[in-house]
Amino acid sequence: MSNKTSTPANASPLTVKEAEQPDIVKKIGNTTYRVKIHFSTTSKETMSDKIKRLIMNDCGKIS
């Protein structure tokens, strides 16, 4: 075992624009669906807030 420590050279987190955008692939029958995912960098709403808003909007449509 070595006691040497190393630090990564110029390590920095990837930004949204630098990272490859994820996609989801789902095959149903003979059709393959590919869905690209993207995130807004200017959004003021958190994911949790958005989900709550969508649920509340759907509940209003049911009644």
PDB file of N, CA and C in Angstrom:
ATOM      1  N   MET A   1       0.825  -1.178   0.000  1.00  0.00           N
ATOM      2  CA  MET A   1       0.000   0.000   0.000  1.00  0.00           C
ATOM      3  C   MET A   1       0.868   1.239   0.000  1.00  0.00           C
ATOM      4  N   SER A   2       0.417   2.238  -0.658  1.00  0.00           N
ATOM      5  CA  SER A   2       1.162   3.481  -0.764  1.00  0.00           C
ATOM      6  C   SER A   2       0.468   4.567   0.037  1.00  0.00           C
ATOM      7  N   ASN A   3       1.247   5.444   0.641  1.00  0.00           N
ATOM      8  CA  ASN A   3       0.694   6.564   1.392  1.00  0.00           C
ATOM      9  C   ASN A   3       0.587   7.817   0.543  1.00  0.00           C
ATOM     10  N   LYS A   4       0.860   7.701  -0.734  1.00  0.00           N
ATOM     11  CA  LYS A   4       0.801   8.857  -1.616  1.00  0.00           C
ATOM     12  C   LYS A   4      -0.655   9.291  -1.799  1.00  0.00           C
ATOM     13  N   THR A   5      -0.857  10.589  -1.787  1.00  0.00           N
ATOM     14  CA  THR A   5      -2.187  11.119  -2.076  1.00  0.00           C
ATOM     15  C   THR A   5      -2.105  11.902  -3.369  1.00  0.00           C
ATOM     16  N   SER A   6      -3.162  11.874  -4.096  1.00  0.00           N
ATOM     17  CA  SER A   6      -3.179  12.619  -5.348  1.00  0.00           C
ATOM     18  C   SER A   6      -4.434  13.469  -5.409  1.00  0.00           C
ATOM     19  N   THR A   7      -4.314  14.585  -6.065  1.00  0.00           N
ATOM     20  CA  THR A   7      -5.472  15.448  -6.267  1.00  0.00           C
ATOM     21  C   THR A   7      -5.751  15.514  -7.752  1.00  0.00           C
ATOM     22  N   PRO A   8      -7.008  15.474  -8.133  1.00  0.00           N
ATOM     23  CA  PRO A   8      -7.322  15.538  -9.562  1.00  0.00           C
ATOM     24  C   PRO A   8      -6.927  16.893 -10.140  1.00  0.00           C
ATOM     25  N   ALA A   9      -6.396  16.867 -11.331  1.00  0.00           N
ATOM     26  CA  ALA A   9      -5.983  18.105 -11.988  1.00  0.00           C
ATOM     27  C   ALA A   9      -7.189  18.807 -12.585  1.00  0.00           C
ATOM     28  N   ASN A  10      -7.430  20.019 -12.134  1.00  0.00           N
ATOM     29  CA  ASN A  10      -8.502  20.854 -12.681  1.00  0.00           C
ATOM     30  C   ASN A  10      -9.867  20.170 -12.676  1.00  0.00           C
ATOM     31  N   ALA A  11     -10.212  19.516 -11.596  1.00  0.00           N
ATOM     32  CA  ALA A  11     -11.520  18.863 -11.507  1.00  0.00           C
ATOM     33  C   ALA A  11     -12.598  19.919 -11.324  1.00  0.00           C
ATOM     34  N   SER A  12     -13.667  19.801 -12.088  1.00  0.00           N
ATOM     35  CA  SER A  12     -14.794  20.713 -11.944  1.00  0.00           C
ATOM     36  C   SER A  12     -16.071  19.982 -12.326  1.00  0.00           C
ATOM     37  N   PRO A  13     -17.183  20.321 -11.674  1.00  0.00           N
ATOM     38  CA  PRO A  13     -18.444  19.642 -12.002  1.00  0.00           C
ATOM     39  C   PRO A  13     -18.912  20.013 -13.398  1.00  0.00           C
ATOM     40  N   LEU A  14     -19.634  19.096 -14.016  1.00  0.00           N
ATOM     41  CA  LEU A  14     -20.196  19.368 -15.336  1.00  0.00           C
ATOM     42  C   LEU A  14     -21.404  20.277 -15.193  1.00  0.00           C
ATOM     43  N   THR A  15     -21.541  21.201 -16.082  1.00  0.00           N
ATOM     44  CA  THR A  15     -22.738  22.030 -16.099  1.00  0.00           C
ATOM     45  C   THR A  15     -23.772  21.342 -16.978  1.00  0.00           C
ATOM     46  N   VAL A  16     -24.987  21.837 -16.948  1.00  0.00           N
ATOM     47  CA  VAL A  16     -26.063  21.229 -17.729  1.00  0.00           C
ATOM     48  C   VAL A  16     -25.719  21.228 -19.209  1.00  0.00           C
ATOM     49  N   LYS A  17     -25.123  22.306 -19.705  1.00  0.00           N
ATOM     50  CA  LYS A  17     -24.820  22.392 -21.126  1.00  0.00           C
ATOM     51  C   LYS A  17     -23.679  21.462 -21.525  1.00  0.00           C
ATOM     52  N   GLU A  18     -22.738  21.195 -20.593  1.00  0.00           N
ATOM     53  CA  GLU A  18     -21.606  20.330 -20.906  1.00  0.00           C
ATOM     54  C   GLU A  18     -21.977  18.855 -20.833  1.00  0.00           C
ATOM     55  N   ALA A  19     -22.911  18.512 -19.940  1.00  0.00           N
ATOM     56  CA  ALA A  19     -23.286  17.116 -19.747  1.00  0.00           C
ATOM     57  C   ALA A  19     -24.165  16.649 -20.901  1.00  0.00           C
ATOM     58  N   GLU A  20     -24.009  15.391 -21.247  1.00  0.00           N
ATOM     59  CA  GLU A  20     -24.859  14.832 -22.299  1.00  0.00           C
ATOM     60  C   GLU A  20     -26.272  14.703 -21.761  1.00  0.00           C
ATOM     61  N   GLN A  21     -27.232  15.150 -22.520  1.00  0.00           N
ATOM     62  CA  GLN A  21     -28.623  15.102 -22.086  1.00  0.00           C
ATOM     63  C   GLN A  21     -29.113  13.657 -22.090  1.00  0.00           C
ATOM     64  N   PRO A  22     -29.718  13.211 -20.985  1.00  0.00           N
ATOM     65  CA  PRO A  22     -30.187  11.826 -20.917  1.00  0.00           C
ATOM     66  C   PRO A  22     -31.418  11.600 -21.793  1.00  0.00           C
ATOM     67  N   ASP A  23     -31.624  10.361 -22.178  1.00  0.00           N
ATOM     68  CA  ASP A  23     -32.847  10.013 -22.889  1.00  0.00           C
ATOM     69  C   ASP A  23     -33.313   8.653 -22.410  1.00  0.00           C
ATOM     70  N   ILE A  24     -34.608   8.416 -22.553  1.00  0.00           N
ATOM     71  CA  ILE A  24     -35.226   7.163 -22.135  1.00  0.00           C
ATOM     72  C   ILE A  24     -35.698   6.451 -23.387  1.00  0.00           C
ATOM     73  N   VAL A  25     -35.392   5.165 -23.476  1.00  0.00           N
ATOM     74  CA  VAL A  25     -35.820   4.371 -24.623  1.00  0.00           C
ATOM     75  C   VAL A  25     -36.764   3.291 -24.115  1.00  0.00           C
ATOM     76  N   LYS A  26     -37.942   3.219 -24.712  1.00  0.00           N
ATOM     77  CA  LYS A  26     -38.947   2.229 -24.315  1.00  0.00           C
ATOM     78  C   LYS A  26     -39.516   1.592 -25.567  1.00  0.00           C
ATOM     79  N   LYS A  27     -39.505   0.275 -25.619  1.00  0.00           N
ATOM     80  CA  LYS A  27     -40.066  -0.430 -26.765  1.00  0.00           C
ATOM     81  C   LYS A  27     -41.413  -1.020 -26.359  1.00  0.00           C
ATOM     82  N   ILE A  28     -42.439  -0.669 -27.118  1.00  0.00           N
ATOM     83  CA  ILE A  28     -43.780  -1.199 -26.900  1.00  0.00           C
ATOM     84  C   ILE A  28     -44.213  -1.828 -28.213  1.00  0.00           C
ATOM     85  N   GLY A  29     -44.346  -3.145 -28.211  1.00  0.00           N
ATOM     86  CA  GLY A  29     -44.670  -3.856 -29.447  1.00  0.00           C
ATOM     87  C   GLY A  29     -43.540  -3.695 -30.442  1.00  0.00           C
ATOM     88  N   ASN A  30     -43.874  -3.283 -31.663  1.00  0.00           N
ATOM     89  CA  ASN A  30     -42.863  -3.077 -32.699  1.00  0.00           C
ATOM     90  C   ASN A  30     -42.390  -1.628 -32.783  1.00  0.00           C
ATOM     91  N   THR A  31     -42.852  -0.798 -31.847  1.00  0.00           N
ATOM     92  CA  THR A  31     -42.494   0.617 -31.880  1.00  0.00           C
ATOM     93  C   THR A  31     -41.525   0.936 -30.755  1.00  0.00           C
ATOM     94  N   THR A  32     -40.445   1.630 -31.083  1.00  0.00           N
ATOM     95  CA  THR A  32     -39.477   2.073 -30.086  1.00  0.00           C
ATOM     96  C   THR A  32     -39.623   3.575 -29.898  1.00  0.00           C
ATOM     97  N   TYR A  33     -39.824   3.982 -28.645  1.00  0.00           N
ATOM     98  CA  TYR A  33     -39.980   5.393 -28.308  1.00  0.00           C
ATOM     99  C   TYR A  33     -38.702   5.885 -27.640  1.00  0.00           C
ATOM    100  N   ARG A  34     -38.208   7.024 -28.072  1.00  0.00           N
ATOM    101  CA  ARG A  34     -37.037   7.646 -27.464  1.00  0.00           C
ATOM    102  C   ARG A  34     -37.461   9.028 -26.985  1.00  0.00           C
ATOM    103  N   VAL A  35     -37.321   9.261 -25.679  1.00  0.00           N
ATOM    104  CA  VAL A  35     -37.730  10.528 -25.081  1.00  0.00           C
ATOM    105  C   VAL A  35     -36.488  11.242 -24.561  1.00  0.00           C
ATOM    106  N   LYS A  36     -36.247  12.429 -25.078  1.00  0.00           N
ATOM    107  CA  LYS A  36     -35.127  13.253 -24.614  1.00  0.00           C
ATOM    108  C   LYS A  36     -35.571  14.044 -23.388  1.00  0.00           C
ATOM    109  N   ILE A  37     -34.695  14.193 -22.433  1.00  0.00           N
ATOM    110  CA  ILE A  37     -34.991  14.919 -21.210  1.00  0.00           C
ATOM    111  C   ILE A  37     -34.130  16.175 -21.179  1.00  0.00           C
ATOM    112  N   HIS A  38     -34.728  17.280 -20.807  1.00  0.00           N
ATOM    113  CA  HIS A  38     -33.952  18.505 -20.653  1.00  0.00           C
ATOM    114  C   HIS A  38     -34.458  19.272 -19.445  1.00  0.00           C
ATOM    115  N   PHE A  39     -33.593  20.066 -18.872  1.00  0.00           N
ATOM    116  CA  PHE A  39     -33.919  20.831 -17.682  1.00  0.00           C
ATOM    117  C   PHE A  39     -33.660  22.304 -17.949  1.00  0.00           C
ATOM    118  N   SER A  40     -34.568  23.136 -17.513  1.00  0.00           N
ATOM    119  CA  SER A  40     -34.419  24.580 -17.690  1.00  0.00           C
ATOM    120  C   SER A  40     -33.403  25.122 -16.689  1.00  0.00           C
ATOM    121  N   THR A  41     -32.506  25.946 -17.154  1.00  0.00           N
ATOM    122  CA  THR A  41     -31.536  26.576 -16.258  1.00  0.00           C
ATOM    123  C   THR A  41     -32.089  27.863 -15.662  1.00  0.00           C
ATOM    124  N   THR A  42     -33.242  28.317 -16.142  1.00  0.00           N
ATOM    125  CA  THR A  42     -33.831  29.568 -15.657  1.00  0.00           C
ATOM    126  C   THR A  42     -35.098  29.349 -14.839  1.00  0.00           C
ATOM    127  N   SER A  43     -35.451  28.105 -14.580  1.00  0.00           N
ATOM    128  CA  SER A  43     -36.682  27.798 -13.859  1.00  0.00           C
ATOM    129  C   SER A  43     -36.622  28.302 -12.422  1.00  0.00           C
ATOM    130  N   LYS A  44     -37.720  28.841 -11.942  1.00  0.00           N
ATOM    131  CA  LYS A  44     -37.820  29.325 -10.559  1.00  0.00           C
ATOM    132  C   LYS A  44     -38.526  28.299  -9.673  1.00  0.00           C
ATOM    133  N   GLU A  45     -39.015  27.217 -10.265  1.00  0.00           N
ATOM    134  CA  GLU A  45     -39.812  26.218  -9.561  1.00  0.00           C
ATOM    135  C   GLU A  45     -38.974  24.956  -9.348  1.00  0.00           C
ATOM    136  N   THR A  46     -39.005  24.411  -8.121  1.00  0.00           N
ATOM    137  CA  THR A  46     -38.286  23.164  -7.863  1.00  0.00           C
ATOM    138  C   THR A  46     -39.079  21.992  -8.437  1.00  0.00           C
ATOM    139  N   MET A  47     -38.431  20.851  -8.569  1.00  0.00           N
ATOM    140  CA  MET A  47     -39.115  19.662  -9.078  1.00  0.00           C
ATOM    141  C   MET A  47     -40.265  19.285  -8.150  1.00  0.00           C
ATOM    142  N   SER A  48     -40.035  19.371  -6.853  1.00  0.00           N
ATOM    143  CA  SER A  48     -41.082  19.053  -5.884  1.00  0.00           C
ATOM    144  C   SER A  48     -42.289  19.981  -6.049  1.00  0.00           C
ATOM    145  N   ASP A  49     -42.025  21.280  -6.204  1.00  0.00           N
ATOM    146  CA  ASP A  49     -43.112  22.246  -6.410  1.00  0.00           C
ATOM    147  C   ASP A  49     -43.884  21.941  -7.686  1.00  0.00           C
ATOM    148  N   LYS A  50     -43.171  21.578  -8.725  1.00  0.00           N
ATOM    149  CA  LYS A  50     -43.815  21.288 -10.010  1.00  0.00           C
ATOM    150  C   LYS A  50     -44.726  20.064  -9.895  1.00  0.00           C
ATOM    151  N   ILE A  51     -44.239  19.010  -9.242  1.00  0.00           N
ATOM    152  CA  ILE A  51     -45.041  17.792  -9.072  1.00  0.00           C
ATOM    153  C   ILE A  51     -46.298  18.099  -8.261  1.00  0.00           C
ATOM    154  N   LYS A  52     -46.138  18.866  -7.173  1.00  0.00           N
ATOM    155  CA  LYS A  52     -47.300  19.245  -6.357  1.00  0.00           C
ATOM    156  C   LYS A  52     -48.309  20.031  -7.187  1.00  0.00           C
ATOM    157  N   ARG A  53     -47.823  20.976  -7.993  1.00  0.00           N
ATOM    158  CA  ARG A  53     -48.711  21.786  -8.832  1.00  0.00           C
ATOM    159  C   ARG A  53     -49.461  20.917  -9.837  1.00  0.00           C
ATOM    160  N   LEU A  54     -48.756  19.970 -10.467  1.00  0.00           N
ATOM    161  CA  LEU A  54     -49.400  19.084 -11.436  1.00  0.00           C
ATOM    162  C   LEU A  54     -50.469  18.218 -10.777  1.00  0.00           C
ATOM    163  N   ILE A  55     -50.174  17.711  -9.582  1.00  0.00           N
ATOM    164  CA  ILE A  55     -51.157  16.885  -8.860  1.00  0.00           C
ATOM    165  C   ILE A  55     -52.381  17.717  -8.494  1.00  0.00           C
ATOM    166  N   MET A  56     -52.155  18.923  -7.985  1.00  0.00           N
ATOM    167  CA  MET A  56     -53.278  19.788  -7.609  1.00  0.00           C
ATOM    168  C   MET A  56     -54.126  20.153  -8.828  1.00  0.00           C
ATOM    169  N   ASN A  57     -53.486  20.417  -9.961  1.00  0.00           N
ATOM    170  CA  ASN A  57     -54.231  20.727 -11.186  1.00  0.00           C
ATOM    171  C   ASN A  57     -55.064  19.532 -11.634  1.00  0.00           C
ATOM    172  N   ASP A  58     -54.504  18.328 -11.548  1.00  0.00           N
ATOM    173  CA  ASP A  58     -55.250  17.127 -11.930  1.00  0.00           C
ATOM    174  C   ASP A  58     -56.415  16.881 -10.982  1.00  0.00           C
ATOM    175  N   CYS A  59     -56.228  17.130  -9.689  1.00  0.00           N
ATOM    176  CA  CYS A  59     -57.308  16.940  -8.718  1.00  0.00           C
ATOM    177  C   CYS A  59     -58.464  17.893  -9.010  1.00  0.00           C
ATOM    178  N   GLY A  60     -58.165  19.096  -9.441  1.00  0.00           N
ATOM    179  CA  GLY A  60     -59.199  20.074  -9.778  1.00  0.00           C
ATOM    180  C   GLY A  60     -59.993  19.664 -11.001  1.00  0.00           C
ATOM    181  N   LYS A  61     -59.372  18.948 -11.916  1.00  0.00           N
ATOM    182  CA  LYS A  61     -60.054  18.505 -13.139  1.00  0.00           C
ATOM    183  C   LYS A  61     -60.993  17.341 -12.862  1.00  0.00           C
ATOM    184  N   ILE A  62     -60.696  16.547 -11.844  1.00  0.00           N
ATOM    185  CA  ILE A  62     -61.501  15.361 -11.536  1.00  0.00           C
ATOM    186  C   ILE A  62     -62.836  15.765 -10.917  1.00  0.00           C
ATOM    187  N   SER A  63     -62.830  16.728 -10.003  1.00  0.00           N
ATOM    188  CA  SER A  63     -64.066  17.079  -9.290  1.00  0.00           C
ATOM    189  C   SER A  63     -64.965  18.008 -10.052  1.00  0.00           C
TER     190      SER A  63
END
